[in-house]
Protein backbone atom coordinates (compact mmCIF):
# COMPACT_ATOMS: atom_id res chain seq x y z
CA MET A 1 -23.04 171.75 -72.23
CA LEU A 2 -24.24 175.29 -71.65
CA THR A 3 -22.83 178.45 -73.17
CA ALA A 4 -23.55 182.14 -72.72
CA ARG A 5 -22.97 184.83 -75.31
CA ILE A 6 -23.97 188.34 -76.28
CA ALA A 7 -26.31 188.83 -79.26
CA THR A 8 -27.01 192.10 -81.04
CA VAL A 9 -30.66 193.18 -81.05
CA ALA A 10 -30.50 196.49 -82.94
CA GLY A 11 -28.29 199.51 -83.48
CA GLY A 12 -29.15 203.18 -83.24
CA ASN A 13 -27.82 206.65 -82.47
CA GLU A 14 -27.12 205.92 -78.80
CA GLY A 15 -25.54 202.50 -79.21
CA ILE A 16 -26.17 198.84 -79.95
CA ALA A 17 -28.85 197.02 -77.91
CA LEU A 18 -27.81 193.62 -76.58
CA ASN A 19 -29.32 190.38 -75.31
CA LEU A 20 -27.61 187.82 -73.10
CA VAL A 21 -28.22 184.37 -74.61
CA VAL A 22 -27.87 181.11 -72.68
CA GLU A 23 -27.82 178.05 -74.95
CA ASN A 24 -27.91 174.34 -74.22
CA THR A 25 -25.61 172.93 -76.89
CA GLY A 26 -25.45 169.53 -75.22
CA ASN A 27 -27.55 166.43 -75.77
CA ARG A 28 -29.50 166.51 -72.48
CA PRO A 29 -31.71 169.00 -70.68
CA ALA A 30 -30.15 171.19 -67.98
CA GLN A 31 -31.88 172.49 -64.85
CA ASP A 32 -31.34 174.98 -62.02
CA ILE A 33 -29.10 177.14 -64.21
CA LYS A 34 -27.41 180.13 -62.56
CA LEU A 35 -24.97 182.69 -63.92
CA PHE A 36 -22.24 184.23 -61.77
CA ALA A 37 -19.89 187.18 -62.33
CA ARG A 38 -17.78 189.31 -60.02
CA GLN A 39 -19.08 192.81 -59.39
CA LYS A 40 -15.63 194.30 -59.98
CA ALA A 41 -15.42 192.65 -63.43
CA VAL A 42 -18.91 193.82 -64.38
CA LEU A 43 -18.14 197.41 -63.35
CA ALA A 44 -14.85 197.33 -65.28
CA ALA A 45 -16.79 196.45 -68.47
CA LEU A 46 -18.73 199.72 -68.40
CA ALA A 47 -17.86 202.56 -70.77
CA GLU A 48 -17.55 204.90 -67.74
CA PRO A 49 -16.76 202.65 -64.75
CA SER A 50 -15.77 205.30 -62.21
CA GLY A 51 -18.62 205.85 -59.76
CA ALA A 52 -20.96 203.74 -61.87
CA GLN A 53 -23.54 201.24 -60.71
CA ILE A 54 -24.13 197.84 -62.24
CA PRO A 55 -26.90 198.12 -64.85
CA GLY A 56 -30.26 196.61 -63.86
CA ASP A 57 -30.16 193.89 -66.53
CA ALA A 58 -26.78 192.67 -65.29
CA GLN A 59 -27.97 192.88 -61.67
CA SER A 60 -30.89 190.60 -62.53
CA CYS A 61 -28.79 188.11 -64.50
CA PHE A 62 -25.86 187.76 -62.08
CA PHE A 63 -26.70 189.05 -58.60
CA LYS A 64 -30.38 188.47 -57.76
CA ASP A 65 -30.62 184.68 -57.38
CA LYS A 66 -32.41 184.38 -60.71
CA GLU A 67 -32.26 180.95 -62.27
CA ILE A 68 -33.39 179.23 -65.42
CA PRO A 69 -35.48 176.28 -64.17
CA VAL A 70 -35.04 173.98 -67.21
CA LEU A 71 -33.43 174.37 -70.63
CA ALA A 72 -34.00 171.60 -73.15
CA ASN A 73 -31.12 170.46 -75.33
CA GLY A 74 -30.86 172.52 -78.49
CA LYS A 75 -32.81 175.42 -76.93
CA ALA A 76 -31.81 178.92 -75.84
CA VAL A 77 -33.20 181.65 -73.60
CA THR A 78 -32.46 185.37 -73.71
CA ASN A 79 -32.59 188.40 -71.46
CA ALA A 80 -32.08 192.07 -72.26
CA PHE A 81 -28.52 193.10 -71.44
CA GLY A 82 -28.20 196.86 -71.92
CA HIS A 83 -26.31 198.42 -74.79
CA LEU A 84 -22.88 199.24 -76.14
CA GLY A 85 -22.12 202.95 -76.17
CA LYS A 86 -20.22 205.80 -74.61
CA ASN A 87 -22.79 207.20 -72.19
CA PRO A 88 -22.94 206.29 -68.48
CA GLY A 89 -24.45 202.85 -67.93
CA ALA A 90 -23.43 201.58 -71.39
CA TRP A 91 -21.08 198.66 -71.96
CA LEU A 92 -17.61 199.25 -73.39
CA SER A 93 -17.39 197.59 -76.79
CA GLY A 94 -14.97 194.65 -76.67
CA ALA A 95 -14.92 194.40 -72.87
CA LYS A 96 -14.97 190.92 -71.33
CA ILE A 97 -16.79 189.72 -68.23
CA PRO A 98 -15.49 186.42 -66.81
CA LEU A 99 -18.56 184.28 -66.21
CA LYS A 100 -19.35 181.04 -64.44
CA ILE A 101 -22.42 178.96 -65.25
CA LYS A 102 -23.61 176.35 -62.75
CA TYR A 103 -26.31 173.81 -63.55
CA LYS A 104 -27.51 170.24 -62.99
CA ASP A 105 -28.66 167.44 -65.23
CA LEU A 106 -32.05 165.81 -64.63
CA HIS A 107 -30.43 163.26 -62.29
CA GLY A 108 -29.02 166.02 -60.07
CA LYS A 109 -25.38 165.75 -61.18
CA LYS A 110 -23.75 169.19 -60.88
CA TYR A 111 -21.76 170.92 -63.62
CA SER A 112 -20.04 174.26 -64.02
CA ALA A 113 -18.38 176.05 -66.91
CA LYS A 114 -16.22 179.16 -67.11
CA MET A 115 -16.11 181.47 -70.11
CA ASN A 116 -15.75 185.11 -71.05
CA LEU A 117 -18.82 187.09 -71.99
CA ILE A 118 -17.56 189.38 -74.77
CA LEU A 119 -19.54 192.61 -75.01
CA ALA A 120 -19.51 193.22 -78.75
CA ASP A 121 -21.71 193.42 -81.81
CA ASP A 122 -22.03 189.80 -82.95
CA ASN A 123 -22.95 190.67 -86.54
CA GLY A 124 -19.24 190.63 -87.42
CA PHE A 125 -16.55 188.70 -85.53
CA ALA A 126 -14.25 191.75 -85.73
CA GLN A 127 -17.19 194.02 -84.80
CA THR A 128 -17.84 195.22 -88.35
CA SER A 129 -20.17 193.92 -91.05
CA TRP A 130 -22.18 195.03 -94.04
CA ALA A 131 -25.94 195.11 -93.72
CA ILE A 132 -27.86 192.63 -95.84
CA PRO A 133 -29.99 194.54 -98.39
CA THR A 134 -33.69 194.31 -97.56
CA SER A 135 -34.48 192.32 -100.74
CA GLN A 136 -31.85 189.68 -99.89
CA ALA A 137 -32.88 189.53 -96.24
CA ALA A 138 -36.46 188.75 -97.29
CA LYS A 139 -35.24 185.88 -99.50
CA ALA A 140 -32.98 184.50 -96.74
CA GLY A 141 -35.73 184.57 -94.10
């Protein structure tokens, strides 16, 4: 089983940087993995969708025939996926992009899964959280 989600990289004055994470949560490797989204849905997820273009990271992930050749079970891969913010080209916090993932197992059997990619800070499920003090973060890591 494959899943896709948004992960927070870092926050700053302009917004929150994001990665798109694809994870194999199943018990077998997956191959020939492709992600699909509708252009209209991607544009609607932008902070300023009128007259906007799809950001380059999203173009590469959804619209340029990119594929993940093999993803072992229990493993994940990431790709930069822009940032949340209010400026042109930024994602609207809380927006959803309906997504379809297509892949095969090692025997060639085809699978697909549909899910929503939620464009939000994943450090808090309601998009808020307290930062871990540096001393505690060092102990946890």
